[in-house]
Amino acid sequence: MSAVGQIIKQERQQRKLSQRKLALHAAVSNTAISDLESGKIPRPSADLLVKVAHGLDVEVAPLLAAAGYLDSEVWPPEHSFTTVPILGVIHAGNPLLAIQEQDGAEEVPMRLVRNGAYYFLRVRGDSMVGLGIMPGSLVLVRQSDEEVPAGTIAVVIENRDDACVKVVKYDHDDVILRSANPDYPDRRQHRANVKIIGQVIEVRTSIP
């Protein structure tokens, strides 16, 4: 097993991910993960290592170093792209989240997704139209289990099983979930009843 393979396998097992699950998170094939861990790929491409790092939610630098890359050999971020999977549907309106198997992928600049795990969700509902998030828009989400700054557009789970995309505000022990459409009033929840699962980084809307 190569040094890269050892790092990937160790990080994957620590997160209790199967090779198949990691492949889904990283938007690569199951074979790619298996070959990386077994050392069948002598020198993995930088792009592949970036995708795997995103899938593991780890820094990519140790993987690049283990593969023998110098800084000068890695493409400049502004000229580099990677693919991010589309995983499901998020509602802007009545809360509902349906994380499904991967349903395609989108190319994004690597400068947007250099650290952490990212995925796209497709929006249904019109409660966020004031911020340009239209029905059918794709939102690029950085996975996060931590509290985000006030005013951030986030993917949140209410009462353990309902999820939606909203602007997050705070008021002492309460979290205020704010829409960007006057037809939808604010929703107020105690912090214990709200779990933030991601921060919206970018919105992509197709204009017919």
C-alpha atoms as a PDB file:
ATOM      1  CA  MET A   1       0.000   0.000   0.000  1.00  0.00           C
ATOM      2  CA  SER A   2       1.312   3.451  -0.926  1.00  0.00           C
ATOM      3  CA  ALA A   3       1.600   6.396   1.479  1.00  0.00           C
ATOM      4  CA  VAL A   4      -1.387   8.008  -0.239  1.00  0.00           C
ATOM      5  CA  GLY A   5      -3.390   4.808   0.081  1.00  0.00           C
ATOM      6  CA  GLN A   6      -2.595   4.522   3.773  1.00  0.00           C
ATOM      7  CA  ILE A   7      -3.778   8.076   4.455  1.00  0.00           C
ATOM      8  CA  ILE A   8      -7.005   7.624   2.481  1.00  0.00           C
ATOM      9  CA  LYS A   9      -7.834   4.269   4.095  1.00  0.00           C
ATOM     10  CA  GLN A  10      -7.109   5.568   7.602  1.00  0.00           C
ATOM     11  CA  GLU A  11      -9.220   8.719   7.142  1.00  0.00           C
ATOM     12  CA  ARG A  12     -12.048   6.712   5.533  1.00  0.00           C
ATOM     13  CA  GLN A  13     -12.168   4.156   8.329  1.00  0.00           C
ATOM     14  CA  GLN A  14     -12.073   6.859  11.004  1.00  0.00           C
ATOM     15  CA  ARG A  15     -15.208   8.334   9.412  1.00  0.00           C
ATOM     16  CA  LYS A  16     -16.821   4.884   9.154  1.00  0.00           C
ATOM     17  CA  LEU A  17     -17.217   5.246   5.387  1.00  0.00           C
ATOM     18  CA  SER A  18     -17.272   2.343   2.983  1.00  0.00           C
ATOM     19  CA  GLN A  19     -15.281   2.651  -0.225  1.00  0.00           C
ATOM     20  CA  ARG A  20     -18.566   3.007  -2.083  1.00  0.00           C
ATOM     21  CA  LYS A  21     -19.772   5.806   0.193  1.00  0.00           C
ATOM     22  CA  LEU A  22     -16.495   7.683  -0.141  1.00  0.00           C
ATOM     23  CA  ALA A  23     -16.657   7.307  -3.914  1.00  0.00           C
ATOM     24  CA  LEU A  24     -20.136   8.865  -3.855  1.00  0.00           C
ATOM     25  CA  HIS A  25     -19.002  11.795  -1.697  1.00  0.00           C
ATOM     26  CA  ALA A  26     -15.954  12.358  -3.894  1.00  0.00           C
ATOM     27  CA  ALA A  27     -17.804  11.923  -7.218  1.00  0.00           C
ATOM     28  CA  VAL A  28     -15.368   9.256  -8.402  1.00  0.00           C
ATOM     29  CA  SER A  29     -15.723   5.551  -9.190  1.00  0.00           C
ATOM     30  CA  ASN A  30     -15.563   2.774  -6.590  1.00  0.00           C
ATOM     31  CA  THR A  31     -12.615   1.355  -8.523  1.00  0.00           C
ATOM     32  CA  ALA A  32     -10.677   4.603  -8.137  1.00  0.00           C
ATOM     33  CA  ILE A  33     -10.959   4.445  -4.343  1.00  0.00           C
ATOM     34  CA  SER A  34     -10.003   0.761  -4.282  1.00  0.00           C
ATOM     35  CA  ASP A  35      -7.008   1.338  -6.575  1.00  0.00           C
ATOM     36  CA  LEU A  36      -5.837   4.334  -4.543  1.00  0.00           C
ATOM     37  CA  GLU A  37      -5.914   2.405  -1.277  1.00  0.00           C
ATOM     38  CA  SER A  38      -4.199  -0.663  -2.752  1.00  0.00           C
ATOM     39  CA  GLY A  39      -1.492   1.388  -4.450  1.00  0.00           C
ATOM     40  CA  LYS A  40      -2.444   0.356  -7.985  1.00  0.00           C
ATOM     41  CA  ILE A  41      -2.231   3.995  -9.118  1.00  0.00           C
ATOM     42  CA  PRO A  42       1.499   4.845  -8.850  1.00  0.00           C
ATOM     43  CA  ARG A  43       1.017   8.593  -8.895  1.00  0.00           C
ATOM     44  CA  PRO A  44      -2.638   9.718  -8.685  1.00  0.00           C
ATOM     45  CA  SER A  45      -3.550  12.915 -10.501  1.00  0.00           C
ATOM     46  CA  ALA A  46      -3.846  16.063  -8.384  1.00  0.00           C
ATOM     47  CA  ASP A  47      -7.467  16.413  -9.522  1.00  0.00           C
ATOM     48  CA  LEU A  48      -8.320  12.932  -8.218  1.00  0.00           C
ATOM     49  CA  LEU A  49      -6.658  13.637  -4.883  1.00  0.00           C
ATOM     50  CA  VAL A  50      -8.566  16.914  -4.541  1.00  0.00           C
ATOM     51  CA  LYS A  51     -11.867  15.081  -5.106  1.00  0.00           C
ATOM     52  CA  VAL A  52     -11.003  12.418  -2.538  1.00  0.00           C
ATOM     53  CA  ALA A  53      -9.959  15.062  -0.015  1.00  0.00           C
ATOM     54  CA  HIS A  54     -13.313  16.767  -0.509  1.00  0.00           C
ATOM     55  CA  GLY A  55     -15.099  13.457  -0.016  1.00  0.00           C
ATOM     56  CA  LEU A  56     -13.230  12.874   3.243  1.00  0.00           C
ATOM     57  CA  ASP A  57     -13.545  16.514   4.362  1.00  0.00           C
ATOM     58  CA  VAL A  58      -9.780  16.757   4.916  1.00  0.00           C
ATOM     59  CA  GLU A  59      -7.024  19.067   3.714  1.00  0.00           C
ATOM     60  CA  VAL A  60      -5.672  18.026   0.321  1.00  0.00           C
ATOM     61  CA  ALA A  61      -2.072  19.121   1.036  1.00  0.00           C
ATOM     62  CA  PRO A  62      -1.019  15.909   2.896  1.00  0.00           C
ATOM     63  CA  LEU A  63      -2.332  13.764   0.026  1.00  0.00           C
ATOM     64  CA  LEU A  64      -0.500  15.834  -2.568  1.00  0.00           C
ATOM     65  CA  ALA A  65       2.701  15.700  -0.530  1.00  0.00           C
ATOM     66  CA  ALA A  66       2.410  11.920  -0.059  1.00  0.00           C
ATOM     67  CA  ALA A  67       2.024  11.557  -3.837  1.00  0.00           C
ATOM     68  CA  GLY A  68       5.226  13.544  -4.350  1.00  0.00           C
ATOM     69  CA  TYR A  69       3.720  16.717  -5.773  1.00  0.00           C
ATOM     70  CA  LEU A  70       5.531  20.013  -5.448  1.00  0.00           C
ATOM     71  CA  ASP A  71       3.534  23.235  -5.163  1.00  0.00           C
ATOM     72  CA  SER A  72       4.713  24.234  -8.624  1.00  0.00           C
ATOM     73  CA  GLU A  73       3.220  21.059 -10.131  1.00  0.00           C
ATOM     74  CA  VAL A  74      -0.312  21.607  -8.840  1.00  0.00           C
ATOM     75  CA  TRP A  75      -2.529  23.622 -11.158  1.00  0.00           C
ATOM     76  CA  PRO A  76      -3.238  27.202 -10.087  1.00  0.00           C
ATOM     77  CA  PRO A  77      -6.680  27.204  -8.438  1.00  0.00           C
ATOM     78  CA  GLU A  78      -8.015  29.934 -10.709  1.00  0.00           C
ATOM     79  CA  HIS A  79      -7.347  27.727 -13.734  1.00  0.00           C
ATOM     80  CA  SER A  80      -8.567  24.449 -12.227  1.00  0.00           C
ATOM     81  CA  PHE A  81     -11.975  22.815 -12.128  1.00  0.00           C
ATOM     82  CA  THR A  82     -13.420  19.772 -10.422  1.00  0.00           C
ATOM     83  CA  THR A  83     -16.812  18.071 -10.400  1.00  0.00           C
ATOM     84  CA  VAL A  84     -19.228  18.163  -7.469  1.00  0.00           C
ATOM     85  CA  PRO A  85     -22.162  15.699  -7.239  1.00  0.00           C
ATOM     86  CA  ILE A  86     -25.830  16.660  -7.232  1.00  0.00           C
ATOM     87  CA  LEU A  87     -27.249  14.645  -4.339  1.00  0.00           C
ATOM     88  CA  GLY A  88     -30.909  15.514  -3.988  1.00  0.00           C
ATOM     89  CA  VAL A  89     -33.661  18.080  -3.463  1.00  0.00           C
ATOM     90  CA  ILE A  90     -33.984  20.825  -0.857  1.00  0.00           C
ATOM     91  CA  HIS A  91     -37.146  22.872  -0.360  1.00  0.00           C
ATOM     92  CA  ALA A  92     -37.311  26.633  -0.057  1.00  0.00           C
ATOM     93  CA  GLY A  93     -40.715  26.877   1.537  1.00  0.00           C
ATOM     94  CA  ASN A  94     -42.217  23.958   3.386  1.00  0.00           C
ATOM     95  CA  PRO A  95     -39.262  22.054   4.854  1.00  0.00           C
ATOM     96  CA  LEU A  96     -38.289  18.824   3.139  1.00  0.00           C
ATOM     97  CA  LEU A  97     -34.983  17.266   2.160  1.00  0.00           C
ATOM     98  CA  ALA A  98     -34.542  14.225  -0.046  1.00  0.00           C
ATOM     99  CA  ILE A  99     -30.906  13.185  -0.221  1.00  0.00           C
ATOM    100  CA  GLN A 100     -30.812  10.589  -2.971  1.00  0.00           C
ATOM    101  CA  GLU A 101     -28.195   8.750  -4.967  1.00  0.00           C
ATOM    102  CA  GLN A 102     -26.019  10.992  -7.083  1.00  0.00           C
ATOM    103  CA  ASP A 103     -28.071  12.649  -9.826  1.00  0.00           C
ATOM    104  CA  GLY A 104     -25.393  14.097 -12.072  1.00  0.00           C
ATOM    105  CA  ALA A 105     -22.601  16.510 -11.284  1.00  0.00           C
ATOM    106  CA  GLU A 106     -21.523  20.087 -11.959  1.00  0.00           C
ATOM    107  CA  GLU A 107     -18.100  21.543 -12.680  1.00  0.00           C
ATOM    108  CA  VAL A 108     -16.889  24.184 -10.223  1.00  0.00           C
ATOM    109  CA  PRO A 109     -13.628  26.135  -9.866  1.00  0.00           C
ATOM    110  CA  MET A 110     -11.326  24.430  -7.394  1.00  0.00           C
ATOM    111  CA  ARG A 111     -10.815  27.757  -5.604  1.00  0.00           C
ATOM    112  CA  LEU A 112     -14.436  27.441  -4.360  1.00  0.00           C
ATOM    113  CA  VAL A 113     -14.062  23.936  -2.974  1.00  0.00           C
ATOM    114  CA  ARG A 114     -10.457  23.705  -1.782  1.00  0.00           C
ATOM    115  CA  ASN A 115     -11.248  22.455   1.722  1.00  0.00           C
ATOM    116  CA  GLY A 116     -14.123  20.402   3.057  1.00  0.00           C
ATOM    117  CA  ALA A 117     -16.871  18.277   1.507  1.00  0.00           C
ATOM    118  CA  TYR A 118     -19.239  19.844  -1.022  1.00  0.00           C
ATOM    119  CA  TYR A 119     -22.384  18.833  -2.889  1.00  0.00           C
ATOM    120  CA  PHE A 120     -25.181  20.412  -4.911  1.00  0.00           C
ATOM    121  CA  LEU A 121     -28.856  20.351  -3.976  1.00  0.00           C
ATOM    122  CA  ARG A 122     -31.697  21.248  -6.318  1.00  0.00           C
ATOM    123  CA  VAL A 123     -34.191  23.759  -4.915  1.00  0.00           C
ATOM    124  CA  ARG A 124     -37.949  23.451  -4.967  1.00  0.00           C
ATOM    125  CA  GLY A 125     -40.215  26.198  -3.675  1.00  0.00           C
ATOM    126  CA  ASP A 126     -40.053  29.976  -3.931  1.00  0.00           C
ATOM    127  CA  SER A 127     -39.354  31.247  -0.422  1.00  0.00           C
ATOM    128  CA  MET A 128     -35.821  32.380  -1.336  1.00  0.00           C
ATOM    129  CA  VAL A 129     -36.474  34.103  -4.661  1.00  0.00           C
ATOM    130  CA  GLY A 130     -35.455  37.495  -3.238  1.00  0.00           C
ATOM    131  CA  LEU A 131     -31.879  36.208  -3.086  1.00  0.00           C
ATOM    132  CA  GLY A 132     -31.956  34.740  -6.571  1.00  0.00           C
ATOM    133  CA  ILE A 133     -32.636  31.178  -5.402  1.00  0.00           C
ATOM    134  CA  MET A 134     -35.415  30.190  -7.774  1.00  0.00           C
ATOM    135  CA  PRO A 135     -37.352  26.917  -8.111  1.00  0.00           C
ATOM    136  CA  GLY A 136     -34.968  24.620  -9.977  1.00  0.00           C
ATOM    137  CA  SER A 137     -31.806  26.450  -8.880  1.00  0.00           C
ATOM    138  CA  LEU A 138     -28.788  24.435  -7.811  1.00  0.00           C
ATOM    139  CA  VAL A 139     -27.145  25.484  -4.552  1.00  0.00           C
ATOM    140  CA  LEU A 140     -23.535  24.538  -3.863  1.00  0.00           C
ATOM    141  CA  VAL A 141     -23.336  23.467  -0.213  1.00  0.00           C
ATOM    142  CA  ARG A 142     -20.289  23.104   2.008  1.00  0.00           C
ATOM    143  CA  GLN A 143     -21.031  20.383   4.515  1.00  0.00           C
ATOM    144  CA  SER A 144     -20.862  21.686   8.067  1.00  0.00           C
ATOM    145  CA  ASP A 145     -22.020  20.637  11.515  1.00  0.00           C
ATOM    146  CA  GLU A 146     -21.113  23.950  13.104  1.00  0.00           C
ATOM    147  CA  GLU A 147     -23.018  27.147  13.732  1.00  0.00           C
ATOM    148  CA  VAL A 148     -22.694  29.538  10.803  1.00  0.00           C
ATOM    149  CA  PRO A 149     -22.442  33.347  11.072  1.00  0.00           C
ATOM    150  CA  ALA A 150     -25.705  35.292  11.317  1.00  0.00           C
ATOM    151  CA  GLY A 151     -27.014  36.239   7.895  1.00  0.00           C
ATOM    152  CA  THR A 152     -25.620  33.108   6.231  1.00  0.00           C
ATOM    153  CA  ILE A 153     -27.749  31.109   3.803  1.00  0.00           C
ATOM    154  CA  ALA A 154     -27.700  27.598   5.220  1.00  0.00           C
ATOM    155  CA  VAL A 155     -29.253  24.164   4.920  1.00  0.00           C
ATOM    156  CA  VAL A 156     -30.873  23.402   8.267  1.00  0.00           C
ATOM    157  CA  ILE A 157     -32.803  20.519   9.776  1.00  0.00           C
ATOM    158  CA  GLU A 158     -35.735  21.410  12.004  1.00  0.00           C
ATOM    159  CA  ASN A 159     -37.080  19.026  14.622  1.00  0.00           C
ATOM    160  CA  ARG A 160     -34.668  16.283  13.546  1.00  0.00           C
ATOM    161  CA  ASP A 161     -36.243  15.371  10.197  1.00  0.00           C
ATOM    162  CA  ASP A 162     -37.413  18.455   8.266  1.00  0.00           C
ATOM    163  CA  ALA A 163     -34.844  20.354   6.206  1.00  0.00           C
ATOM    164  CA  CYS A 164     -34.874  23.552   4.198  1.00  0.00           C
ATOM    165  CA  VAL A 165     -32.668  26.373   2.911  1.00  0.00           C
ATOM    166  CA  LYS A 166     -33.006  29.642   4.826  1.00  0.00           C
ATOM    167  CA  VAL A 167     -31.115  32.701   6.041  1.00  0.00           C
ATOM    168  CA  VAL A 168     -30.016  32.009   9.613  1.00  0.00           C
ATOM    169  CA  LYS A 169     -30.342  34.621  12.361  1.00  0.00           C
ATOM    170  CA  TYR A 170     -29.892  34.280  16.131  1.00  0.00           C
ATOM    171  CA  ASP A 171     -31.777  35.701  19.097  1.00  0.00           C
ATOM    172  CA  HIS A 172     -30.394  34.481  22.426  1.00  0.00           C
ATOM    173  CA  ASP A 173     -31.385  30.784  22.620  1.00  0.00           C
ATOM    174  CA  ASP A 174     -33.476  30.882  19.462  1.00  0.00           C
ATOM    175  CA  VAL A 175     -32.607  30.453  15.813  1.00  0.00           C
ATOM    176  CA  ILE A 176     -34.628  32.514  13.331  1.00  0.00           C
ATOM    177  CA  LEU A 177     -35.053  30.983   9.882  1.00  0.00           C
ATOM    178  CA  ARG A 178     -35.722  33.813   7.452  1.00  0.00           C
ATOM    179  CA  SER A 179     -37.064  33.572   3.912  1.00  0.00           C
ATOM    180  CA  ALA A 180     -36.399  35.995   1.075  1.00  0.00           C
ATOM    181  CA  ASN A 181     -40.034  36.228   0.032  1.00  0.00           C
ATOM    182  CA  PRO A 182     -42.599  38.323   1.962  1.00  0.00           C
ATOM    183  CA  ASP A 183     -45.191  35.566   1.531  1.00  0.00           C
ATOM    184  CA  TYR A 184     -43.245  33.402   3.993  1.00  0.00           C
ATOM    185  CA  PRO A 185     -42.982  34.549   7.632  1.00  0.00           C
ATOM    186  CA  ASP A 186     -39.919  33.943   9.766  1.00  0.00           C
ATOM    187  CA  ARG A 187     -39.769  30.681  11.684  1.00  0.00           C
ATOM    188  CA  ARG A 188     -38.362  30.719  15.208  1.00  0.00           C
ATOM    189  CA  GLN A 189     -36.948  27.603  16.818  1.00  0.00           C
ATOM    190  CA  HIS A 190     -34.970  26.877  19.966  1.00  0.00           C
ATOM    191  CA  ARG A 191     -31.344  26.080  19.140  1.00  0.00           C
ATOM    192  CA  ALA A 192     -31.834  22.524  20.387  1.00  0.00           C
ATOM    193  CA  ASN A 193     -34.392  21.937  17.632  1.00  0.00           C
ATOM    194  CA  VAL A 194     -32.230  23.180  14.754  1.00  0.00           C
ATOM    195  CA  LYS A 195     -29.220  21.433  13.223  1.00  0.00           C
ATOM    196  CA  ILE A 196     -27.147  23.164  10.552  1.00  0.00           C
ATOM    197  CA  ILE A 197     -25.856  20.672   7.980  1.00  0.00           C
ATOM    198  CA  GLY A 198     -24.375  22.982   5.364  1.00  0.00           C
ATOM    199  CA  GLN A 199     -23.622  26.491   4.171  1.00  0.00           C
ATOM    200  CA  VAL A 200     -24.681  27.687   0.720  1.00  0.00           C
ATOM    201  CA  ILE A 201     -21.582  28.837  -1.175  1.00  0.00           C
ATOM    202  CA  GLU A 202     -22.974  29.482  -4.647  1.00  0.00           C
ATOM    203  CA  VAL A 203     -26.314  29.551  -6.480  1.00  0.00           C
ATOM    204  CA  ARG A 204     -26.745  28.419 -10.074  1.00  0.00           C
ATOM    205  CA  THR A 205     -29.964  29.337 -11.842  1.00  0.00           C
ATOM    206  CA  SER A 206     -30.745  28.462 -15.456  1.00  0.00           C
ATOM    207  CA  ILE A 207     -32.538  31.202 -17.357  1.00  0.00           C
ATOM    208  CA  PRO A 208     -34.973  29.761 -19.922  1.00  0.00           C
END
